[in-house]
Amino acid sequence: MPSAAAPWLLLAVFSGTLISLQARITGELAAGLGGDGFAAAVISFGSGFVVLTLGLLVLRKPRRGVGLVLADVRARRLRWWQVLGGFGGAAFLLAQGLTVGALGVALFTVAIVAGQVTGGLLFDRMGLGPAGRSGPRGAGSSGRCSCSRPWACRWRTSWAAGSRT
C-alpha cells in the first residue's frame, strides 16, 4: 500500500468504529423508546439532517455543490437514482434501530458487511457501478466470496473462467 493511502485507510477504520458506535446508540435509543426502531431511526436521521442543513446554511461550497448536482440531474448528466444515497442511509439507520437490540452490534455489523459484499458482487456484475460491468479483481475476489454466499464463489469463478452460467 502506498504511504499516501495510509491516512485514508486509518480514516476508513475510524469511520467503521463510529458506525459501530452509531449502531449501539441507535439500538439503545430504540430500546429507550419501547423498542420503536422507526422512531429511533427518525431521530437519528433527523439529527443528521439538521447538522447537514446548518452546514449548508453556513458554508458556500456545499451549497454550490448541491446546485451543481441539481443542474446535472436536470441536464441528465446524472440519473435520478444516482442521488438516492440518502435512502440507503435511512434504511441502514432503520435496520440499526430494529435489529441491534436483538442481534448486538457485532452480528449486525457482520450481516451488514455480508449484504454489502453480496450487493457489490451483483452490482458489479450488472454494471451499475461507476466502472461499468466488471468481474472479480485479483486476490480481493476470494475474500469477497468467502464473506458472501458459497454459490456466489462458484458463480463468480465460473463467470471469470468464461462459462457465463
Foldseek 3Di string as FASTA:
>chain_A
DDPVCVVVVVVVVVVVVVVLVLLVVLQVVCVVVVLNLLVSLCVVLVVVVVVVVVVCVPDPVVVVVVVVVVVCCVVVVDPPVVPCVVVVVSVLSSCSSNPCNPQNSVVSVLVVLQVVLVVVQVCLCCQVDPVGRDADDPPVVVVSCVSYDVVSNVQRVCVVVPPND
